[in-house]
Amino acid sequence: MEIRHLFPKEALDAGLKPVEHLYLVKSGVLELLDQQNEVVAAYGPKSVLGMSEILRGGKIVGTVIAQRSTSVVAIDKAHILGDLSDAEANVTEMLGAVVDTVGRRAVTR
């Protein structure tokens, strides 16, 4: 995890390449520009960018730039996916325990 500070109009990430980080906007504003450099979305403090792209292995289809001085927290994709794998294992374990418990109750009744 790292904090990045961007100057106005500085690019955070150019689109059309795999997303490697989840970004949390700490301060300032990020804009997503399409291929014609038109603003299609803006992200202010507490906004999250890149989660859906990380989860489905996609790309941001545009360029993300700072509208003004902006700080973001960048979290590496491997860290996010590793945490999700651990969570998935925990959920599977919990569901297994629930099924075992329900099965025992059904047998004892």
N, C-alpha and C. Protein backbone atom coordinates (compact mmCIF):
# COMPACT_ATOMS: atom_id res chain seq x y z
N MET A 1 0.86 -1.16 0.00
CA MET A 1 0.00 0.00 0.00
C MET A 1 0.90 1.22 0.00
N GLU A 2 0.53 2.21 -0.80
CA GLU A 2 1.29 3.45 -0.85
C GLU A 2 0.36 4.63 -1.08
N ILE A 3 0.81 5.79 -0.65
CA ILE A 3 0.05 7.02 -0.91
C ILE A 3 0.72 7.73 -2.07
N ARG A 4 -0.07 8.09 -3.06
CA ARG A 4 0.43 8.83 -4.22
C ARG A 4 -0.16 10.23 -4.20
N HIS A 5 0.68 11.20 -4.50
CA HIS A 5 0.25 12.59 -4.59
C HIS A 5 0.34 13.00 -6.05
N LEU A 6 -0.75 13.54 -6.58
CA LEU A 6 -0.80 13.92 -7.99
C LEU A 6 -1.00 15.42 -8.12
N PHE A 7 -0.34 15.99 -9.11
CA PHE A 7 -0.52 17.40 -9.44
C PHE A 7 -1.74 17.54 -10.36
N PRO A 8 -2.31 18.73 -10.47
CA PRO A 8 -3.43 18.93 -11.40
C PRO A 8 -3.06 18.46 -12.81
N LYS A 9 -3.96 17.71 -13.42
CA LYS A 9 -3.84 17.17 -14.78
C LYS A 9 -2.83 16.02 -14.90
N GLU A 10 -2.23 15.60 -13.79
CA GLU A 10 -1.32 14.45 -13.83
C GLU A 10 -2.13 13.16 -13.94
N ALA A 11 -1.67 12.25 -14.78
CA ALA A 11 -2.37 10.98 -14.98
C ALA A 11 -2.04 10.01 -13.85
N LEU A 12 -3.08 9.41 -13.31
CA LEU A 12 -2.90 8.35 -12.32
C LEU A 12 -2.59 7.05 -13.04
N ASP A 13 -3.36 6.78 -14.06
CA ASP A 13 -3.23 5.54 -14.79
C ASP A 13 -3.82 5.73 -16.18
N ALA A 14 -3.10 5.27 -17.18
CA ALA A 14 -3.65 5.29 -18.53
C ALA A 14 -4.49 4.04 -18.70
N GLY A 15 -5.57 4.16 -19.40
CA GLY A 15 -6.47 3.04 -19.55
C GLY A 15 -5.98 2.02 -20.56
N LEU A 16 -6.85 1.05 -20.80
CA LEU A 16 -6.62 -0.02 -21.76
C LEU A 16 -5.43 -0.90 -21.41
N LYS A 17 -5.12 -1.01 -20.13
CA LYS A 17 -4.14 -1.98 -19.65
C LYS A 17 -4.70 -2.58 -18.37
N PRO A 18 -4.25 -3.78 -18.01
CA PRO A 18 -4.80 -4.42 -16.81
C PRO A 18 -4.62 -3.55 -15.57
N VAL A 19 -5.62 -3.55 -14.71
CA VAL A 19 -5.58 -2.77 -13.48
C VAL A 19 -4.72 -3.51 -12.46
N GLU A 20 -3.74 -2.80 -11.91
CA GLU A 20 -2.82 -3.41 -10.94
C GLU A 20 -3.05 -2.93 -9.52
N HIS A 21 -3.85 -1.87 -9.34
CA HIS A 21 -4.08 -1.30 -8.01
C HIS A 21 -5.55 -0.93 -7.82
N LEU A 22 -5.97 -1.00 -6.59
CA LEU A 22 -7.24 -0.43 -6.16
C LEU A 22 -6.88 0.95 -5.62
N TYR A 23 -7.62 1.96 -6.00
CA TYR A 23 -7.32 3.32 -5.57
C TYR A 23 -8.43 3.86 -4.68
N LEU A 24 -8.05 4.41 -3.54
CA LEU A 24 -8.97 5.10 -2.65
C LEU A 24 -8.60 6.57 -2.68
N VAL A 25 -9.55 7.43 -3.04
CA VAL A 25 -9.27 8.87 -3.10
C VAL A 25 -9.26 9.41 -1.67
N LYS A 26 -8.12 9.94 -1.29
CA LYS A 26 -7.97 10.50 0.06
C LYS A 26 -8.37 11.97 0.07
N SER A 27 -7.93 12.72 -0.93
CA SER A 27 -8.31 14.13 -1.07
C SER A 27 -8.22 14.51 -2.54
N GLY A 28 -8.93 15.58 -2.90
CA GLY A 28 -8.91 16.02 -4.29
C GLY A 28 -9.97 15.33 -5.12
N VAL A 29 -9.80 15.40 -6.45
CA VAL A 29 -10.77 14.81 -7.38
C VAL A 29 -10.03 14.17 -8.54
N LEU A 30 -10.44 12.95 -8.87
CA LEU A 30 -9.94 12.27 -10.07
C LEU A 30 -11.04 12.28 -11.12
N GLU A 31 -10.65 12.40 -12.38
CA GLU A 31 -11.60 12.34 -13.48
C GLU A 31 -11.22 11.19 -14.40
N LEU A 32 -12.24 10.49 -14.88
CA LEU A 32 -12.04 9.45 -15.88
C LEU A 32 -12.37 10.06 -17.23
N LEU A 33 -11.38 10.08 -18.12
CA LEU A 33 -11.55 10.62 -19.47
C LEU A 33 -11.70 9.48 -20.46
N ASP A 34 -12.62 9.63 -21.41
CA ASP A 34 -12.77 8.62 -22.45
C ASP A 34 -11.72 8.85 -23.53
N GLN A 35 -11.80 8.11 -24.61
CA GLN A 35 -10.80 8.19 -25.67
C GLN A 35 -10.83 9.52 -26.42
N GLN A 36 -11.93 10.29 -26.25
CA GLN A 36 -12.01 11.63 -26.86
C GLN A 36 -11.64 12.71 -25.83
N ASN A 37 -11.09 12.29 -24.69
CA ASN A 37 -10.72 13.19 -23.59
C ASN A 37 -11.91 13.93 -22.98
N GLU A 38 -13.09 13.33 -23.05
CA GLU A 38 -14.27 13.87 -22.40
C GLU A 38 -14.38 13.25 -21.01
N VAL A 39 -14.77 14.05 -20.02
CA VAL A 39 -14.95 13.55 -18.67
C VAL A 39 -16.21 12.69 -18.62
N VAL A 40 -16.05 11.42 -18.21
CA VAL A 40 -17.21 10.53 -18.12
C VAL A 40 -17.54 10.19 -16.67
N ALA A 41 -16.62 10.47 -15.75
CA ALA A 41 -16.89 10.23 -14.32
C ALA A 41 -15.90 11.04 -13.50
N ALA A 42 -16.32 11.39 -12.29
CA ALA A 42 -15.44 12.10 -11.35
C ALA A 42 -15.52 11.38 -10.00
N TYR A 43 -14.40 11.33 -9.31
CA TYR A 43 -14.29 10.61 -8.04
C TYR A 43 -13.67 11.52 -7.00
N GLY A 44 -14.41 11.78 -5.92
CA GLY A 44 -13.93 12.62 -4.84
C GLY A 44 -13.48 11.80 -3.65
N PRO A 45 -13.22 12.48 -2.53
CA PRO A 45 -12.76 11.78 -1.32
C PRO A 45 -13.67 10.62 -0.93
N LYS A 46 -13.04 9.54 -0.52
CA LYS A 46 -13.68 8.29 -0.10
C LYS A 46 -14.18 7.44 -1.26
N SER A 47 -13.94 7.87 -2.51
CA SER A 47 -14.32 7.07 -3.67
C SER A 47 -13.30 5.96 -3.88
N VAL A 48 -13.76 4.87 -4.50
CA VAL A 48 -12.92 3.72 -4.80
C VAL A 48 -12.91 3.50 -6.30
N LEU A 49 -11.73 3.31 -6.86
CA LEU A 49 -11.60 3.03 -8.29
C LEU A 49 -10.88 1.71 -8.47
N GLY A 50 -11.36 0.91 -9.42
CA GLY A 50 -10.65 -0.29 -9.83
C GLY A 50 -11.13 -1.60 -9.26
N MET A 51 -12.06 -1.60 -8.31
CA MET A 51 -12.46 -2.87 -7.70
C MET A 51 -13.10 -3.81 -8.70
N SER A 52 -14.06 -3.34 -9.48
CA SER A 52 -14.73 -4.24 -10.42
C SER A 52 -13.75 -4.73 -11.49
N GLU A 53 -12.82 -3.88 -11.90
CA GLU A 53 -11.82 -4.30 -12.89
C GLU A 53 -10.90 -5.37 -12.32
N ILE A 54 -10.52 -5.21 -11.05
CA ILE A 54 -9.66 -6.22 -10.41
C ILE A 54 -10.41 -7.54 -10.29
N LEU A 55 -11.66 -7.50 -9.87
CA LEU A 55 -12.41 -8.73 -9.65
C LEU A 55 -12.69 -9.49 -10.94
N ARG A 56 -12.90 -8.79 -12.04
CA ARG A 56 -13.19 -9.49 -13.28
C ARG A 56 -12.01 -9.49 -14.26
N GLY A 57 -10.85 -8.99 -13.81
CA GLY A 57 -9.66 -9.01 -14.65
C GLY A 57 -9.74 -8.07 -15.83
N GLY A 58 -10.48 -6.98 -15.67
CA GLY A 58 -10.67 -6.05 -16.77
C GLY A 58 -9.71 -4.89 -16.77
N LYS A 59 -10.03 -3.93 -17.60
CA LYS A 59 -9.20 -2.73 -17.77
C LYS A 59 -10.07 -1.50 -17.60
N ILE A 60 -9.46 -0.42 -17.14
CA ILE A 60 -10.16 0.86 -17.12
C ILE A 60 -10.12 1.39 -18.55
N VAL A 61 -11.26 1.71 -19.09
CA VAL A 61 -11.34 2.11 -20.50
C VAL A 61 -11.29 3.62 -20.63
N GLY A 62 -10.18 4.19 -20.27
CA GLY A 62 -9.98 5.62 -20.35
C GLY A 62 -8.72 5.99 -19.59
N THR A 63 -8.56 7.26 -19.35
CA THR A 63 -7.41 7.74 -18.59
C THR A 63 -7.91 8.44 -17.34
N VAL A 64 -7.28 8.15 -16.22
CA VAL A 64 -7.66 8.76 -14.95
C VAL A 64 -6.64 9.85 -14.64
N ILE A 65 -7.15 11.11 -14.48
CA ILE A 65 -6.26 12.24 -14.18
C ILE A 65 -6.76 12.98 -12.93
N ALA A 66 -5.85 13.70 -12.32
CA ALA A 66 -6.22 14.54 -11.18
C ALA A 66 -6.79 15.85 -11.71
N GLN A 67 -7.95 16.23 -11.20
CA GLN A 67 -8.55 17.51 -11.58
C GLN A 67 -7.79 18.65 -10.91
N ARG A 68 -7.36 18.40 -9.68
CA ARG A 68 -6.56 19.35 -8.90
C ARG A 68 -5.60 18.52 -8.06
N SER A 69 -4.85 19.12 -7.17
CA SER A 69 -3.95 18.34 -6.31
C SER A 69 -4.75 17.26 -5.61
N THR A 70 -4.30 16.03 -5.76
CA THR A 70 -5.06 14.88 -5.28
C THR A 70 -4.13 13.86 -4.64
N SER A 71 -4.62 13.24 -3.58
CA SER A 71 -3.88 12.15 -2.93
C SER A 71 -4.75 10.90 -2.99
N VAL A 72 -4.11 9.78 -3.31
CA VAL A 72 -4.82 8.50 -3.35
C VAL A 72 -4.00 7.46 -2.60
N VAL A 73 -4.70 6.49 -2.07
CA VAL A 73 -4.05 5.32 -1.48
C VAL A 73 -4.14 4.23 -2.53
N ALA A 74 -2.99 3.67 -2.92
CA ALA A 74 -2.94 2.61 -3.91
C ALA A 74 -2.68 1.28 -3.20
N ILE A 75 -3.57 0.32 -3.40
CA ILE A 75 -3.43 -1.00 -2.80
C ILE A 75 -3.22 -2.00 -3.92
N ASP A 76 -2.14 -2.74 -3.84
CA ASP A 76 -1.76 -3.69 -4.88
C ASP A 76 -2.83 -4.76 -5.07
N LYS A 77 -3.08 -5.10 -6.33
CA LYS A 77 -4.09 -6.09 -6.70
C LYS A 77 -3.83 -7.43 -6.01
N ALA A 78 -2.59 -7.86 -5.90
CA ALA A 78 -2.27 -9.15 -5.28
C ALA A 78 -2.72 -9.17 -3.82
N HIS A 79 -2.59 -8.05 -3.15
CA HIS A 79 -3.02 -7.96 -1.76
C HIS A 79 -4.54 -8.12 -1.66
N ILE A 80 -5.26 -7.46 -2.56
CA ILE A 80 -6.73 -7.53 -2.57
C ILE A 80 -7.18 -8.96 -2.87
N LEU A 81 -6.63 -9.56 -3.92
CA LEU A 81 -7.06 -10.89 -4.31
C LEU A 81 -6.66 -11.93 -3.27
N GLY A 82 -5.52 -11.76 -2.63
CA GLY A 82 -5.11 -12.66 -1.55
C GLY A 82 -6.09 -12.60 -0.41
N ASP A 83 -6.50 -11.39 -0.03
CA ASP A 83 -7.47 -11.23 1.05
C ASP A 83 -8.81 -11.86 0.68
N LEU A 84 -9.21 -11.72 -0.58
CA LEU A 84 -10.48 -12.31 -1.00
C LEU A 84 -10.42 -13.82 -0.96
N SER A 85 -9.26 -14.39 -1.33
CA SER A 85 -9.12 -15.84 -1.27
C SER A 85 -9.24 -16.34 0.15
N ASP A 86 -8.63 -15.63 1.09
CA ASP A 86 -8.73 -16.00 2.51
C ASP A 86 -10.18 -15.90 2.97
N ALA A 87 -10.86 -14.83 2.58
CA ALA A 87 -12.25 -14.64 2.97
C ALA A 87 -13.12 -15.74 2.40
N GLU A 88 -12.87 -16.11 1.14
CA GLU A 88 -13.65 -17.16 0.51
C GLU A 88 -13.47 -18.48 1.26
N ALA A 89 -12.25 -18.79 1.68
CA ALA A 89 -11.99 -20.01 2.44
C ALA A 89 -12.73 -19.96 3.77
N ASN A 90 -12.74 -18.80 4.42
CA ASN A 90 -13.44 -18.66 5.70
C ASN A 90 -14.94 -18.84 5.53
N VAL A 91 -15.51 -18.27 4.47
CA VAL A 91 -16.94 -18.41 4.22
C VAL A 91 -17.28 -19.87 3.94
N THR A 92 -16.46 -20.54 3.14
CA THR A 92 -16.70 -21.95 2.85
C THR A 92 -16.66 -22.78 4.12
N GLU A 93 -15.69 -22.50 4.99
CA GLU A 93 -15.58 -23.21 6.26
C GLU A 93 -16.82 -22.96 7.14
N MET A 94 -17.25 -21.70 7.18
CA MET A 94 -18.43 -21.36 7.98
C MET A 94 -19.68 -22.06 7.45
N LEU A 95 -19.84 -22.05 6.13
CA LEU A 95 -21.01 -22.72 5.54
C LEU A 95 -20.98 -24.22 5.82
N GLY A 96 -19.80 -24.81 5.77
CA GLY A 96 -19.66 -26.23 6.09
C GLY A 96 -20.10 -26.51 7.52
N ALA A 97 -19.70 -25.63 8.45
CA ALA A 97 -20.09 -25.80 9.85
C ALA A 97 -21.60 -25.68 10.01
N VAL A 98 -22.21 -24.75 9.30
CA VAL A 98 -23.67 -24.58 9.36
C VAL A 98 -24.37 -25.82 8.83
N VAL A 99 -23.90 -26.33 7.71
CA VAL A 99 -24.51 -27.53 7.11
C VAL A 99 -24.38 -28.71 8.08
N ASP A 100 -23.19 -28.86 8.70
CA ASP A 100 -22.99 -29.95 9.67
C ASP A 100 -23.96 -29.81 10.84
N THR A 101 -24.10 -28.59 11.36
CA THR A 101 -24.98 -28.35 12.50
C THR A 101 -26.43 -28.64 12.14
N VAL A 102 -26.88 -28.16 10.99
CA VAL A 102 -28.25 -28.39 10.54
C VAL A 102 -28.48 -29.88 10.31
N GLY A 103 -27.51 -30.55 9.74
CA GLY A 103 -27.62 -32.00 9.50
C GLY A 103 -27.74 -32.78 10.79
N ARG A 104 -26.96 -32.42 11.80
CA ARG A 104 -27.04 -33.10 13.11
C ARG A 104 -28.40 -32.88 13.75
N ARG A 105 -28.90 -31.66 13.66
CA ARG A 105 -30.23 -31.37 14.25
C ARG A 105 -31.32 -32.18 13.55
N ALA A 106 -31.21 -32.31 12.24
CA ALA A 106 -32.22 -33.04 11.49
C ALA A 106 -32.21 -34.53 11.88
N VAL A 107 -31.02 -35.06 12.12
CA VAL A 107 -30.90 -36.47 12.47
C VAL A 107 -31.42 -36.74 13.88
N THR A 108 -31.19 -35.79 14.80
CA THR A 108 -31.59 -36.02 16.20
C THR A 108 -33.05 -35.78 16.44
N ARG A 109 -33.78 -35.25 15.49
CA ARG A 109 -35.21 -34.98 15.71
C ARG A 109 -36.06 -36.11 15.29
